[in-house]
PDB file of N, CA and C in Angstrom:
ATOM      1  N   SER A   1      -1.565  62.350 162.673  1.00  0.00           N
ATOM      2  CA  SER A   1      -2.158  63.745 162.676  1.00  0.00           C
ATOM      3  C   SER A   1      -2.783  64.811 161.249  1.00  0.00           C
ATOM      4  N   ARG A   2      -4.061  64.875 161.220  1.00  0.00           N
ATOM      5  CA  ARG A   2      -4.437  65.559 160.123  1.00  0.00           C
ATOM      6  C   ARG A   2      -4.506  67.409 160.171  1.00  0.00           C
ATOM      7  N   LEU A   3      -3.796  67.778 159.020  1.00  0.00           N
ATOM      8  CA  LEU A   3      -4.522  69.523 158.927  1.00  0.00           C
ATOM      9  C   LEU A   3      -5.169  68.986 157.662  1.00  0.00           C
ATOM     10  N   ILE A   4      -6.782  70.610 157.321  1.00  0.00           N
ATOM     11  CA  ILE A   4      -7.258  70.019 155.488  1.00  0.00           C
ATOM     12  C   ILE A   4      -7.982  71.946 155.998  1.00  0.00           C
ATOM     13  N   TYR A   5      -7.111  72.489 155.234  1.00  0.00           N
ATOM     14  CA  TYR A   5      -7.675  73.778 154.757  1.00  0.00           C
ATOM     15  C   TYR A   5      -8.484  73.291 153.529  1.00  0.00           C
ATOM     16  N   HIS A   6      -9.904  73.515 153.842  1.00  0.00           N
ATOM     17  CA  HIS A   6     -11.234  73.979 152.743  1.00  0.00           C
ATOM     18  C   HIS A   6     -11.484  75.555 152.018  1.00  0.00           C
ATOM     19  N   ASP A   7     -11.901  75.108 150.591  1.00  0.00           N
ATOM     20  CA  ASP A   7     -12.245  75.892 149.909  1.00  0.00           C
ATOM     21  C   ASP A   7     -10.581  76.561 149.839  1.00  0.00           C
ATOM     22  N   VAL A   8     -10.342  75.882 148.336  1.00  0.00           N
ATOM     23  CA  VAL A   8      -8.508  77.501 148.833  1.00  0.00           C
ATOM     24  C   VAL A   8      -8.724  77.235 147.498  1.00  0.00           C
ATOM     25  N   ASN A   9      -9.142  78.172 146.594  1.00  0.00           N
ATOM     26  CA  ASN A   9      -8.762  78.530 145.109  1.00  0.00           C
ATOM     27  C   ASN A   9      -7.211  78.948 144.824  1.00  0.00           C
ATOM     28  N   VAL A  10      -6.824  77.414 143.761  1.00  0.00           N
ATOM     29  CA  VAL A  10      -5.171  77.788 142.910  1.00  0.00           C
ATOM     30  C   VAL A  10      -5.619  78.772 142.188  1.00  0.00           C
ATOM     31  N   PRO A  11      -4.377  79.392 142.323  1.00  0.00           N
ATOM     32  CA  PRO A  11      -4.134  80.635 141.935  1.00  0.00           C
ATOM     33  C   PRO A  11      -3.359  79.451 139.954  1.00  0.00           C
ATOM     34  N   ARG A  12      -2.706  80.778 139.418  1.00  0.00           N
ATOM     35  CA  ARG A  12      -2.418  80.161 138.080  1.00  0.00           C
ATOM     36  C   ARG A  12      -0.863  80.273 138.878  1.00  0.00           C
ATOM     37  N   HIS A  13       0.327  79.202 138.332  1.00  0.00           N
ATOM     38  CA  HIS A  13       1.313  79.410 138.354  1.00  0.00           C
ATOM     39  C   HIS A  13       1.600  79.061 139.572  1.00  0.00           C
ATOM     40  N   ALA A  14       0.544  78.483 140.282  1.00  0.00           N
ATOM     41  CA  ALA A  14       1.261  78.427 142.201  1.00  0.00           C
ATOM     42  C   ALA A  14       2.091  77.599 142.749  1.00  0.00           C
ATOM     43  N   TRP A  15       1.910  77.314 143.621  1.00  0.00           N
ATOM     44  CA  TRP A  15       3.888  76.349 144.298  1.00  0.00           C
ATOM     45  C   TRP A  15       3.212  76.557 145.511  1.00  0.00           C
ATOM     46  N   LEU A  16       3.458  75.456 146.558  1.00  0.00           N
ATOM     47  CA  LEU A  16       2.459  74.878 147.638  1.00  0.00           C
ATOM     48  C   LEU A  16       4.106  75.090 148.016  1.00  0.00           C
ATOM     49  N   ARG A  17       5.055  75.870 149.276  1.00  0.00           N
ATOM     50  CA  ARG A  17       5.659  76.372 150.244  1.00  0.00           C
ATOM     51  C   ARG A  17       5.842  75.303 151.136  1.00  0.00           C
ATOM     52  N   VAL A  18       6.290  74.666 152.032  1.00  0.00           N
ATOM     53  CA  VAL A  18       6.047  74.307 153.234  1.00  0.00           C
ATOM     54  C   VAL A  18       7.284  73.248 154.083  1.00  0.00           C
ATOM     55  N   HIS A  19       7.273  73.609 155.094  1.00  0.00           N
ATOM     56  CA  HIS A  19       8.080  73.487 156.339  1.00  0.00           C
ATOM     57  C   HIS A  19       8.182  72.058 156.607  1.00  0.00           C
ATOM     58  N   LEU A  20       9.275  71.379 157.006  1.00  0.00           N
ATOM     59  CA  LEU A  20       8.979  69.963 157.404  1.00  0.00           C
ATOM     60  C   LEU A  20       9.970  69.964 159.042  1.00  0.00           C
ATOM     61  N   ALA A  21       9.726  69.268 159.772  1.00  0.00           N
ATOM     62  CA  ALA A  21      10.862  68.903 161.427  1.00  0.00           C
ATOM     63  C   ALA A  21      10.242  68.407 162.066  1.00  0.00           C
ATOM     64  N   LEU A  22      11.064  67.484 162.605  1.00  0.00           N
ATOM     65  CA  LEU A  22      10.767  67.091 164.190  1.00  0.00           C
ATOM     66  C   LEU A  22      11.631  67.895 165.177  1.00  0.00           C
ATOM     67  N   SER A  23      10.735  68.525 166.333  1.00  0.00           N
ATOM     68  CA  SER A  23      10.795  69.025 167.570  1.00  0.00           C
ATOM     69  C   SER A  23      12.509  68.518 167.013  1.00  0.00           C
ATOM     70  N   PRO A  24      13.772  69.290 167.764  1.00  0.00           N
ATOM     71  CA  PRO A  24      14.492  69.148 168.370  1.00  0.00           C
ATOM     72  C   PRO A  24      14.884  68.571 169.834  1.00  0.00           C
ATOM     73  N   GLU A  25      13.991  68.235 170.523  1.00  0.00           N
ATOM     74  CA  GLU A  25      14.360  68.177 171.402  1.00  0.00           C
ATOM     75  C   GLU A  25      14.331  66.059 171.130  1.00  0.00           C
ATOM     76  N   VAL A  26      13.836  65.960 170.135  1.00  0.00           N
ATOM     77  CA  VAL A  26      13.625  64.635 169.699  1.00  0.00           C
ATOM     78  C   VAL A  26      14.489  63.830 168.476  1.00  0.00           C
ATOM     79  N   TRP A  27      16.104  65.123 168.752  1.00  0.00           N
ATOM     80  CA  TRP A  27      16.616  64.460 167.603  1.00  0.00           C
ATOM     81  C   TRP A  27      17.348  63.344 167.742  1.00  0.00           C
ATOM     82  N   ASP A  28      17.411  63.120 168.986  1.00  0.00           N
ATOM     83  CA  ASP A  28      18.932  62.100 168.976  1.00  0.00           C
ATOM     84  C   ASP A  28      18.469  61.053 169.476  1.00  0.00           C
ATOM     85  N   ARG A  29      16.503  61.250 170.431  1.00  0.00           N
ATOM     86  CA  ARG A  29      15.820  59.508 170.971  1.00  0.00           C
ATOM     87  C   ARG A  29      16.238  59.122 170.210  1.00  0.00           C
ATOM     88  N   PRO A  30      15.337  57.970 170.593  1.00  0.00           N
ATOM     89  CA  PRO A  30      15.210  56.906 169.774  1.00  0.00           C
ATOM     90  C   PRO A  30      13.802  56.638 169.143  1.00  0.00           C
ATOM     91  N   GLY A  31      13.718  56.687 168.071  1.00  0.00           N
ATOM     92  CA  GLY A  31      12.937  56.403 167.088  1.00  0.00           C
ATOM     93  C   GLY A  31      12.942  56.138 165.532  1.00  0.00           C
ATOM     94  N   ASP A  32      12.058  56.391 164.455  1.00  0.00           N
ATOM     95  CA  ASP A  32      12.190  55.595 162.627  1.00  0.00           C
ATOM     96  C   ASP A  32      11.910  56.960 162.821  1.00  0.00           C
ATOM     97  N   GLY A  33      11.457  58.142 162.594  1.00  0.00           N
ATOM     98  CA  GLY A  33      10.753  59.676 161.935  1.00  0.00           C
ATOM     99  C   GLY A  33       8.920  59.079 162.092  1.00  0.00           C
ATOM    100  N   VAL A  34       8.816  60.563 160.748  1.00  0.00           N
ATOM    101  CA  VAL A  34       7.757  60.284 160.916  1.00  0.00           C
ATOM    102  C   VAL A  34       7.625  60.873 159.280  1.00  0.00           C
ATOM    103  N   LEU A  35       6.236  60.245 159.069  1.00  0.00           N
ATOM    104  CA  LEU A  35       5.851  59.997 157.918  1.00  0.00           C
ATOM    105  C   LEU A  35       5.310  61.388 157.044  1.00  0.00           C
ATOM    106  N   PHE A  36       5.476  62.377 156.574  1.00  0.00           N
ATOM    107  CA  PHE A  36       5.352  63.718 155.848  1.00  0.00           C
ATOM    108  C   PHE A  36       3.619  63.594 155.010  1.00  0.00           C
ATOM    109  N   ARG A  37       2.998  63.911 154.882  1.00  0.00           N
ATOM    110  CA  ARG A  37       1.971  63.855 153.391  1.00  0.00           C
ATOM    111  C   ARG A  37       1.489  64.611 152.899  1.00  0.00           C
ATOM    112  N   PHE A  38       1.252  64.380 151.547  1.00  0.00           N
ATOM    113  CA  PHE A  38       0.179  65.978 151.737  1.00  0.00           C
ATOM    114  C   PHE A  38      -0.822  65.999 149.872  1.00  0.00           C
ATOM    115  N   GLY A  39      -1.958  66.366 150.344  1.00  0.00           N
ATOM    116  CA  GLY A  39      -2.090  66.303 149.239  1.00  0.00           C
ATOM    117  C   GLY A  39      -3.470  66.620 148.965  1.00  0.00           C
ATOM    118  N   VAL A  40      -4.850  66.370 147.326  1.00  0.00           N
ATOM    119  CA  VAL A  40      -5.393  67.734 147.216  1.00  0.00           C
ATOM    120  C   VAL A  40      -6.734  66.849 147.124  1.00  0.00           C
ATOM    121  N   SER A  41      -7.851  66.996 147.200  1.00  0.00           N
ATOM    122  CA  SER A  41      -9.161  66.652 147.445  1.00  0.00           C
ATOM    123  C   SER A  41      -9.834  67.667 146.898  1.00  0.00           C
ATOM    124  N   ASP A  42     -10.624  67.234 145.758  1.00  0.00           N
ATOM    125  CA  ASP A  42     -11.952  67.679 145.514  1.00  0.00           C
ATOM    126  C   ASP A  42     -13.360  67.877 145.419  1.00  0.00           C
ATOM    127  N   ASP A  43     -13.059  67.258 146.585  1.00  0.00           N
ATOM    128  CA  ASP A  43     -14.395  65.697 147.005  1.00  0.00           C
ATOM    129  C   ASP A  43     -14.931  64.568 146.595  1.00  0.00           C
ATOM    130  N   ARG A  44     -14.299  64.629 145.415  1.00  0.00           N
ATOM    131  CA  ARG A  44     -14.565  63.618 144.391  1.00  0.00           C
ATOM    132  C   ARG A  44     -13.391  62.114 144.945  1.00  0.00           C
ATOM    133  N   SER A  45     -12.097  63.174 144.761  1.00  0.00           N
ATOM    134  CA  SER A  45     -10.677  62.601 144.651  1.00  0.00           C
ATOM    135  C   SER A  45     -10.109  62.895 145.609  1.00  0.00           C
ATOM    136  N   TYR A  46      -8.628  62.471 145.950  1.00  0.00           N
ATOM    137  CA  TYR A  46      -7.787  62.771 146.801  1.00  0.00           C
ATOM    138  C   TYR A  46      -6.236  62.381 145.594  1.00  0.00           C
ATOM    139  N   GLU A  47      -5.825  63.112 145.401  1.00  0.00           N
ATOM    140  CA  GLU A  47      -4.809  62.412 144.726  1.00  0.00           C
ATOM    141  C   GLU A  47      -3.165  63.340 145.591  1.00  0.00           C
ATOM    142  N   GLU A  48      -2.295  62.059 145.942  1.00  0.00           N
ATOM    143  CA  GLU A  48      -1.141  62.357 146.980  1.00  0.00           C
ATOM    144  C   GLU A  48       0.047  63.424 146.604  1.00  0.00           C
ATOM    145  N   LEU A  49      -0.051  64.462 146.779  1.00  0.00           N
ATOM    146  CA  LEU A  49       1.242  65.038 146.230  1.00  0.00           C
ATOM    147  C   LEU A  49       2.435  64.657 146.961  1.00  0.00           C
ATOM    148  N   LEU A  50       2.983  63.901 147.947  1.00  0.00           N
ATOM    149  CA  LEU A  50       4.213  64.477 148.833  1.00  0.00           C
ATOM    150  C   LEU A  50       4.031  63.358 150.360  1.00  0.00           C
ATOM    151  N   LYS A  51       4.999  61.974 149.622  1.00  0.00           N
ATOM    152  CA  LYS A  51       5.172  61.835 150.572  1.00  0.00           C
ATOM    153  C   LYS A  51       6.691  61.605 151.295  1.00  0.00           C
ATOM    154  N   GLN A  52       6.710  61.976 152.670  1.00  0.00           N
ATOM    155  CA  GLN A  52       8.661  61.678 152.717  1.00  0.00           C
ATOM    156  C   GLN A  52       8.727  61.511 154.252  1.00  0.00           C
ATOM    157  N   VAL A  53       9.746  61.261 154.433  1.00  0.00           N
ATOM    158  CA  VAL A  53       9.868  60.486 155.831  1.00  0.00           C
ATOM    159  C   VAL A  53      11.042  61.463 156.562  1.00  0.00           C
ATOM    160  N   VAL A  54      10.914  62.118 157.826  1.00  0.00           N
ATOM    161  CA  VAL A  54      11.929  62.611 158.415  1.00  0.00           C
ATOM    162  C   VAL A  54      12.074  62.387 159.844  1.00  0.00           C
ATOM    163  N   ASN A  55      13.561  61.797 159.840  1.00  0.00           N
ATOM    164  CA  ASN A  55      13.752  61.175 160.276  1.00  0.00           C
ATOM    165  C   ASN A  55      15.290  61.645 161.357  1.00  0.00           C
ATOM    166  N   PRO A  56      15.112  62.576 161.822  1.00  0.00           N
ATOM    167  CA  PRO A  56      16.653  63.153 162.923  1.00  0.00           C
ATOM    168  C   PRO A  56      17.560  62.626 163.387  1.00  0.00           C
ATOM    169  N   ALA A  57      16.493  60.940 163.360  1.00  0.00           N
ATOM    170  CA  ALA A  57      17.409  60.370 164.730  1.00  0.00           C
ATOM    171  C   ALA A  57      18.514  59.192 163.795  1.00  0.00           C
ATOM    172  N   GLY A  58      17.766  58.877 162.589  1.00  0.00           N
ATOM    173  CA  GLY A  58      18.341  58.146 161.655  1.00  0.00           C
ATOM    174  C   GLY A  58      19.509  59.294 161.044  1.00  0.00           C
ATOM    175  N   VAL A  59      19.047  60.341 160.164  1.00  0.00           N
ATOM    176  CA  VAL A  59      19.683  60.544 159.362  1.00  0.00           C
ATOM    177  C   VAL A  59      19.669  61.982 159.891  1.00  0.00           C
ATOM    178  N   PRO A  60      20.750  62.544 160.241  1.00  0.00           N
ATOM    179  CA  PRO A  60      22.006  63.970 160.263  1.00  0.00           C
ATOM    180  C   PRO A  60      21.106  64.539 159.901  1.00  0.00           C
ATOM    181  N   ASP A  61      21.059  64.905 158.473  1.00  0.00           N
ATOM    182  CA  ASP A  61      21.027  65.959 157.530  1.00  0.00           C
ATOM    183  C   ASP A  61      19.952  66.430 157.963  1.00  0.00           C
ATOM    184  N   ASP A  62      18.413  65.527 158.693  1.00  0.00           N
ATOM    185  CA  ASP A  62      17.375  65.802 158.670  1.00  0.00           C
ATOM    186  C   ASP A  62      16.950  66.405 159.773  1.00  0.00           C
ATOM    187  N   ARG A  63      18.266  66.856 160.423  1.00  0.00           N
ATOM    188  CA  ARG A  63      18.192  67.619 162.250  1.00  0.00           C
ATOM    189  C   ARG A  63      17.914  69.106 161.754  1.00  0.00           C
ATOM    190  N   ARG A  64      17.291  69.624 161.282  1.00  0.00           N
ATOM    191  CA  ARG A  64      16.804  70.920 160.476  1.00  0.00           C
ATOM    192  C   ARG A  64      15.548  71.275 160.074  1.00  0.00           C
ATOM    193  N   TRP A  65      15.064  72.709 159.487  1.00  0.00           N
ATOM    194  CA  TRP A  65      13.100  72.379 158.938  1.00  0.00           C
ATOM    195  C   TRP A  65      14.245  72.338 157.067  1.00  0.00           C
ATOM    196  N   LEU A  66      13.638  71.069 156.959  1.00  0.00           N
ATOM    197  CA  LEU A  66      13.384  71.008 155.333  1.00  0.00           C
ATOM    198  C   LEU A  66      12.315  71.803 154.609  1.00  0.00           C
ATOM    199  N   THR A  67      12.767  72.834 153.455  1.00  0.00           N
ATOM    200  CA  THR A  67      11.718  73.433 153.053  1.00  0.00           C
ATOM    201  C   THR A  67      11.382  72.519 151.710  1.00  0.00           C
ATOM    202  N   VAL A  68       9.370  71.997 151.702  1.00  0.00           N
ATOM    203  CA  VAL A  68       9.231  71.169 150.448  1.00  0.00           C
ATOM    204  C   VAL A  68       8.294  72.448 149.275  1.00  0.00           C
ATOM    205  N   GLU A  69       9.147  72.224 148.581  1.00  0.00           N
ATOM    206  CA  GLU A  69       8.197  73.288 147.266  1.00  0.00           C
ATOM    207  C   GLU A  69       6.951  71.999 146.365  1.00  0.00           C
ATOM    208  N   ILE A  70       5.780  72.174 146.403  1.00  0.00           N
ATOM    209  CA  ILE A  70       4.822  70.790 145.146  1.00  0.00           C
ATOM    210  C   ILE A  70       4.537  72.422 143.923  1.00  0.00           C
ATOM    211  N   ASP A  71       4.789  71.650 142.587  1.00  0.00           N
ATOM    212  CA  ASP A  71       4.114  72.228 142.362  1.00  0.00           C
ATOM    213  C   ASP A  71       2.227  72.441 142.276  1.00  0.00           C
ATOM    214  N   LEU A  72       1.689  73.101 142.089  1.00  0.00           N
ATOM    215  CA  LEU A  72      -0.210  73.299 142.030  1.00  0.00           C
ATOM    216  C   LEU A  72      -0.358  73.772 140.805  1.00  0.00           C
ATOM    217  N   SER A  73       0.756  73.803 140.092  1.00  0.00           N
ATOM    218  CA  SER A  73       0.072  74.732 138.700  1.00  0.00           C
ATOM    219  C   SER A  73      -1.415  74.124 137.323  1.00  0.00           C
ATOM    220  N   GLN A  74      -1.486  72.602 137.946  1.00  0.00           N
ATOM    221  CA  GLN A  74      -3.171  72.030 137.064  1.00  0.00           C
ATOM    222  C   GLN A  74      -3.566  71.931 137.557  1.00  0.00           C
ATOM    223  N   TYR A  75      -4.377  72.508 138.675  1.00  0.00           N
ATOM    224  CA  TYR A  75      -5.443  72.219 139.537  1.00  0.00           C
ATOM    225  C   TYR A  75      -5.723  74.219 139.466  1.00  0.00           C
ATOM    226  N   ALA A  76      -4.798  75.288 138.512  1.00  0.00           N
ATOM    227  CA  ALA A  76      -4.975  76.229 138.366  1.00  0.00           C
ATOM    228  C   ALA A  76      -6.996  76.063 138.148  1.00  0.00           C
ATOM    229  N   GLY A  77      -7.496  77.689 139.241  1.00  0.00           N
ATOM    230  CA  GLY A  77      -8.564  77.658 138.934  1.00  0.00           C
ATOM    231  C   GLY A  77      -9.670  76.307 139.163  1.00  0.00           C
ATOM    232  N   GLU A  78      -9.300  75.945 140.321  1.00  0.00           N
ATOM    233  CA  GLU A  78      -9.970  74.975 140.679  1.00  0.00           C
ATOM    234  C   GLU A  78     -10.234  75.161 142.469  1.00  0.00           C
ATOM    235  N   LYS A  79     -11.151  75.127 143.166  1.00  0.00           N
ATOM    236  CA  LYS A  79     -11.526  75.162 144.537  1.00  0.00           C
ATOM    237  C   LYS A  79     -11.599  73.755 144.902  1.00  0.00           C
ATOM    238  N   LEU A  80     -10.141  73.889 146.419  1.00  0.00           N
ATOM    239  CA  LEU A  80     -10.029  72.495 146.419  1.00  0.00           C
ATOM    240  C   LEU A  80      -9.320  72.537 147.787  1.00  0.00           C
ATOM    241  N   LYS A  81      -9.746  71.055 148.520  1.00  0.00           N
ATOM    242  CA  LYS A  81      -8.653  71.583 150.531  1.00  0.00           C
ATOM    243  C   LYS A  81      -7.383  70.246 150.029  1.00  0.00           C
ATOM    244  N   LEU A  82      -6.442  71.422 150.676  1.00  0.00           N
ATOM    245  CA  LEU A  82      -5.752  70.814 151.061  1.00  0.00           C
ATOM    246  C   LEU A  82      -4.671  70.049 152.175  1.00  0.00           C
ATOM    247  N   ILE A  83      -4.301  68.868 151.978  1.00  0.00           N
ATOM    248  CA  ILE A  83      -4.376  68.274 153.229  1.00  0.00           C
ATOM    249  C   ILE A  83      -3.008  67.649 153.403  1.00  0.00           C
ATOM    250  N   PHE A  84      -2.777  68.375 154.438  1.00  0.00           N
ATOM    251  CA  PHE A  84      -1.084  67.386 155.417  1.00  0.00           C
ATOM    252  C   PHE A  84      -1.296  67.020 156.571  1.00  0.00           C
ATOM    253  N   ASN A  85      -0.975  65.508 156.482  1.00  0.00           N
ATOM    254  CA  ASN A  85      -1.115  64.447 156.805  1.00  0.00           C
ATOM    255  C   ASN A  85       0.439  63.410 157.591  1.00  0.00           C
ATOM    256  N   THR A  86       0.937  62.749 158.929  1.00  0.00           N
ATOM    257  CA  THR A  86       1.606  62.384 159.501  1.00  0.00           C
ATOM    258  C   THR A  86       0.864  61.428 160.289  1.00  0.00           C
ATOM    259  N   ASN A  87       1.906  60.460 159.929  1.00  0.00           N
ATOM    260  CA  ASN A  87       2.245  59.342 160.463  1.00  0.00           C
ATOM    261  C   ASN A  87       3.254  58.907 160.801  1.00  0.00           C
ATOM    262  N   SER A  88       3.577  57.336 161.665  1.00  0.00           N
ATOM    263  CA  SER A  88       4.934  56.809 162.082  1.00  0.00           C
ATOM    264  C   SER A  88       4.934  56.715 160.387  1.00  0.00           C
ATOM    265  N   SER A  89       6.290  56.632 160.547  1.00  0.00           N
ATOM    266  CA  SER A  89       7.457  56.046 159.492  1.00  0.00           C
ATOM    267  C   SER A  89       6.933  54.994 158.522  1.00  0.00           C
ATOM    268  N   LEU A  90       7.145  55.051 157.154  1.00  0.00           N
ATOM    269  CA  LEU A  90       7.362  53.545 156.870  1.00  0.00           C
ATOM    270  C   LEU A  90       7.731  52.302 157.345  1.00  0.00           C
ATOM    271  N   ALA A  91       9.297  52.778 157.541  1.00  0.00           N
ATOM    272  CA  ALA A  91      10.159  51.523 158.052  1.00  0.00           C
ATOM    273  C   ALA A  91       8.925  51.155 159.582  1.00  0.00           C
ATOM    274  N   GLY A  92       7.798  51.401 159.524  1.00  0.00           N
ATOM    275  CA  GLY A  92       7.007  50.262 161.084  1.00  0.00           C
ATOM    276  C   GLY A  92       6.387  51.337 161.690  1.00  0.00           C
ATOM    277  N   ASP A  93       5.675  50.720 162.315  1.00  0.00           N
ATOM    278  CA  ASP A  93       5.162  51.477 163.536  1.00  0.00           C
ATOM    279  C   ASP A  93       5.362  52.003 165.068  1.00  0.00           C
ATOM    280  N   ASP A  94       6.445  53.089 164.705  1.00  0.00           N
ATOM    281  CA  ASP A  94       6.524  53.181 166.074  1.00  0.00           C
ATOM    282  C   ASP A  94       7.346  54.615 166.251  1.00  0.00           C
ATOM    283  N   SER A  95       5.543  54.910 166.695  1.00  0.00           N
ATOM    284  CA  SER A  95       5.338  56.460 167.105  1.00  0.00           C
ATOM    285  C   SER A  95       6.115  57.021 168.339  1.00  0.00           C
ATOM    286  N   GLN A  96       7.123  56.628 169.056  1.00  0.00           N
ATOM    287  CA  GLN A  96       7.709  57.123 170.322  1.00  0.00           C
ATOM    288  C   GLN A  96       9.357  58.403 169.559  1.00  0.00           C
ATOM    289  N   HIS A  97       8.428  59.403 169.922  1.00  0.00           N
ATOM    290  CA  HIS A  97       9.242  60.195 170.052  1.00  0.00           C
ATOM    291  C   HIS A  97       9.028  60.925 168.104  1.00  0.00           C
ATOM    292  N   ASP A  98       7.771  61.003 168.139  1.00  0.00           N
ATOM    293  CA  ASP A  98       6.829  61.413 166.064  1.00  0.00           C
ATOM    294  C   ASP A  98       6.786  63.168 166.646  1.00  0.00           C
ATOM    295  N   TRP A  99       7.203  63.463 166.957  1.00  0.00           N
ATOM    296  CA  TRP A  99       7.022  65.196 167.528  1.00  0.00           C
ATOM    297  C   TRP A  99       6.678  66.471 166.334  1.00  0.00           C
ATOM    298  N   ALA A 100       5.789  66.013 165.260  1.00  0.00           N
ATOM    299  CA  ALA A 100       5.777  66.078 164.005  1.00  0.00           C
ATOM    300  C   ALA A 100       5.465  68.189 163.977  1.00  0.00           C
ATOM    301  N   LEU A 101       6.354  68.570 163.516  1.00  0.00           N
ATOM    302  CA  LEU A 101       6.234  69.771 162.953  1.00  0.00           C
ATOM    303  C   LEU A 101       5.777  70.896 161.764  1.00  0.00           C
ATOM    304  N   LEU A 102       5.052  71.198 161.306  1.00  0.00           N
ATOM    305  CA  LEU A 102       4.708  71.626 160.169  1.00  0.00           C
ATOM    306  C   LEU A 102       4.754  73.090 159.605  1.00  0.00           C
ATOM    307  N   GLY A 103       5.457  73.055 158.909  1.00  0.00           N
ATOM    308  CA  GLY A 103       5.792  75.184 159.544  1.00  0.00           C
ATOM    309  C   GLY A 103       5.137  76.006 157.903  1.00  0.00           C
ATOM    310  N   GLU A 104       4.667  77.689 158.231  1.00  0.00           N
ATOM    311  CA  GLU A 104       4.400  78.295 157.228  1.00  0.00           C
ATOM    312  C   GLU A 104       3.505  77.355 156.324  1.00  0.00           C
ATOM    313  N   PRO A 105       2.936  77.275 156.094  1.00  0.00           N
ATOM    314  CA  PRO A 105       2.356  77.135 154.699  1.00  0.00           C
ATOM    315  C   PRO A 105       1.662  77.706 153.447  1.00  0.00           C
ATOM    316  N   GLN A 106       2.161  77.744 152.530  1.00  0.00           N
ATOM    317  CA  GLN A 106       2.063  78.657 151.806  1.00  0.00           C
ATOM    318  C   GLN A 106       1.842  78.911 150.560  1.00  0.00           C
ATOM    319  N   ILE A 107       0.414  78.842 149.545  1.00  0.00           N
ATOM    320  CA  ILE A 107       0.946  79.237 147.967  1.00  0.00           C
ATOM    321  C   ILE A 107       2.098  80.365 147.787  1.00  0.00           C
ATOM    322  N   VAL A 108       2.623  79.988 146.627  1.00  0.00           N
ATOM    323  CA  VAL A 108       3.753  81.403 146.193  1.00  0.00           C
ATOM    324  C   VAL A 108       3.147  81.232 144.959  1.00  0.00           C
ATOM    325  N   ILE A 109       3.185  82.034 143.785  1.00  0.00           N
ATOM    326  CA  ILE A 109       3.410  81.941 142.787  1.00  0.00           C
ATOM    327  C   ILE A 109       4.322  82.462 141.798  1.00  0.00           C
ATOM    328  N   ARG A 110       4.572  81.501 140.803  1.00  0.00           N
ATOM    329  CA  ARG A 110       5.692  81.788 140.043  1.00  0.00           C
ATOM    330  C   ARG A 110       5.566  81.871 138.684  1.00  0.00           C
ATOM    331  N   PRO A 111       6.420  82.558 138.655  1.00  0.00           N
ATOM    332  CA  PRO A 111       6.118  82.468 136.326  1.00  0.00           C
ATOM    333  C   PRO A 111       6.292  81.679 135.591  1.00  0.00           C
TER     334      PRO A 111
END
């Protein structure tokens, strides 16, 4: 799946903070997790900034919300698309129980 935020003006010292998880109902069910990807686009090119597998069935520490923070300061002053993607994990094409959750994406400013 894909979620796109269009025309985001990136301020100075910006960081993206987002929480990743799989639904608790699938933590102990078969599956190989979900590949979360995040990137930015200026409509001419796409740059991937995050590629992370969340696999609560195979990695007990993934049985929670995982907070990710990505430095966007290199894009200060630009208007971009923020693009969130989820796919079956890198381990294969097993999509059973891939109930991905994306929580509270926000841009935060760090001095």
